[in-house]
Amino acid sequence: MNFAGCNNGSAERLTTERGYLYHFTDAKQSATRVARIEKAMPAIFEGRGFLERR
């Protein structure tokens, strides 16, 4: 993933936000992992936590 446009610290926050990481890695197929990451990217860039994105 390219976090080049991320300048508000959301990439660093993602490393501490385990909910996202568990959600992404639970998928067995790589296509599902990519889809989950792409779907969550707007919430991550806004700085929202995993449970706050709904």
C-alpha atoms as a PDB file:
ATOM      1  CA  MET A   1       0.000   0.000   0.000  1.00  0.00           C
ATOM      2  CA  ASN A   2       1.110   3.510  -0.715  1.00  0.00           C
ATOM      3  CA  PHE A   3       0.735   5.890   2.206  1.00  0.00           C
ATOM      4  CA  ALA A   4       2.511   8.719   0.386  1.00  0.00           C
ATOM      5  CA  GLY A   5      -0.480  11.075   0.655  1.00  0.00           C
ATOM      6  CA  CYS A   6      -0.812  10.434   4.358  1.00  0.00           C
ATOM      7  CA  ASN A   7       0.581  13.328   6.347  1.00  0.00           C
ATOM      8  CA  ASN A   8      -1.537  13.356   9.506  1.00  0.00           C
ATOM      9  CA  GLY A   9       0.118  10.434  11.304  1.00  0.00           C
ATOM     10  CA  SER A  10      -2.554   7.900  10.383  1.00  0.00           C
ATOM     11  CA  ALA A  11       0.019   5.376   9.120  1.00  0.00           C
ATOM     12  CA  GLU A  12       1.748   5.482  12.501  1.00  0.00           C
ATOM     13  CA  ARG A  13      -1.594   5.183  14.284  1.00  0.00           C
ATOM     14  CA  LEU A  14      -2.445   2.122  12.202  1.00  0.00           C
ATOM     15  CA  THR A  15       0.500   0.260  13.696  1.00  0.00           C
ATOM     16  CA  THR A  16      -1.035   0.714  17.140  1.00  0.00           C
ATOM     17  CA  GLU A  17      -4.626   0.105  16.018  1.00  0.00           C
ATOM     18  CA  ARG A  18      -4.859  -3.669  16.316  1.00  0.00           C
ATOM     19  CA  GLY A  19      -8.496  -3.880  15.226  1.00  0.00           C
ATOM     20  CA  TYR A  20      -7.592  -2.959  11.660  1.00  0.00           C
ATOM     21  CA  LEU A  21      -4.620  -5.295  11.610  1.00  0.00           C
ATOM     22  CA  TYR A  22      -6.669  -8.251  12.840  1.00  0.00           C
ATOM     23  CA  HIS A  23      -9.418  -7.450  10.353  1.00  0.00           C
ATOM     24  CA  PHE A  24      -6.966  -7.314   7.450  1.00  0.00           C
ATOM     25  CA  THR A  25      -5.022 -10.446   8.355  1.00  0.00           C
ATOM     26  CA  ASP A  26      -8.086 -12.592   9.099  1.00  0.00           C
ATOM     27  CA  ALA A  27      -8.800 -12.835   5.377  1.00  0.00           C
ATOM     28  CA  LYS A  28      -7.371 -15.976   3.829  1.00  0.00           C
ATOM     29  CA  GLN A  29      -7.270 -14.743   0.248  1.00  0.00           C
ATOM     30  CA  SER A  30      -5.014 -11.887  -0.755  1.00  0.00           C
ATOM     31  CA  ALA A  31      -7.755 -10.324  -2.879  1.00  0.00           C
ATOM     32  CA  THR A  32      -9.968 -10.082   0.203  1.00  0.00           C
ATOM     33  CA  ARG A  33      -7.139  -8.507   2.223  1.00  0.00           C
ATOM     34  CA  VAL A  34      -6.577  -5.900  -0.481  1.00  0.00           C
ATOM     35  CA  ALA A  35     -10.299  -5.143  -0.706  1.00  0.00           C
ATOM     36  CA  ARG A  36     -10.555  -4.701   3.066  1.00  0.00           C
ATOM     37  CA  ILE A  37      -7.556  -2.388   3.131  1.00  0.00           C
ATOM     38  CA  GLU A  38      -8.856  -0.281   0.243  1.00  0.00           C
ATOM     39  CA  LYS A  39     -12.277  -0.015   1.876  1.00  0.00           C
ATOM     40  CA  ALA A  40     -10.763   1.089   5.195  1.00  0.00           C
ATOM     41  CA  MET A  41      -8.255   3.583   3.775  1.00  0.00           C
ATOM     42  CA  PRO A  42     -10.557   6.648   3.933  1.00  0.00           C
ATOM     43  CA  ALA A  43     -11.284   6.013   7.621  1.00  0.00           C
ATOM     44  CA  ILE A  44      -7.599   5.418   8.352  1.00  0.00           C
ATOM     45  CA  PHE A  45      -6.598   8.673   6.651  1.00  0.00           C
ATOM     46  CA  GLU A  46      -9.222  10.528   8.683  1.00  0.00           C
ATOM     47  CA  GLY A  47      -7.722   9.071  11.843  1.00  0.00           C
ATOM     48  CA  ARG A  48     -10.760   7.035  12.870  1.00  0.00           C
ATOM     49  CA  GLY A  49     -10.310   3.781  14.778  1.00  0.00           C
ATOM     50  CA  PHE A  50     -11.596   0.428  13.572  1.00  0.00           C
ATOM     51  CA  LEU A  51     -14.805   0.560  15.609  1.00  0.00           C
ATOM     52  CA  GLU A  52     -15.381   4.216  14.719  1.00  0.00           C
ATOM     53  CA  ARG A  53     -15.505   3.657  10.987  1.00  0.00           C
ATOM     54  CA  ARG A  54     -19.082   2.429  10.865  1.00  0.00           C
END
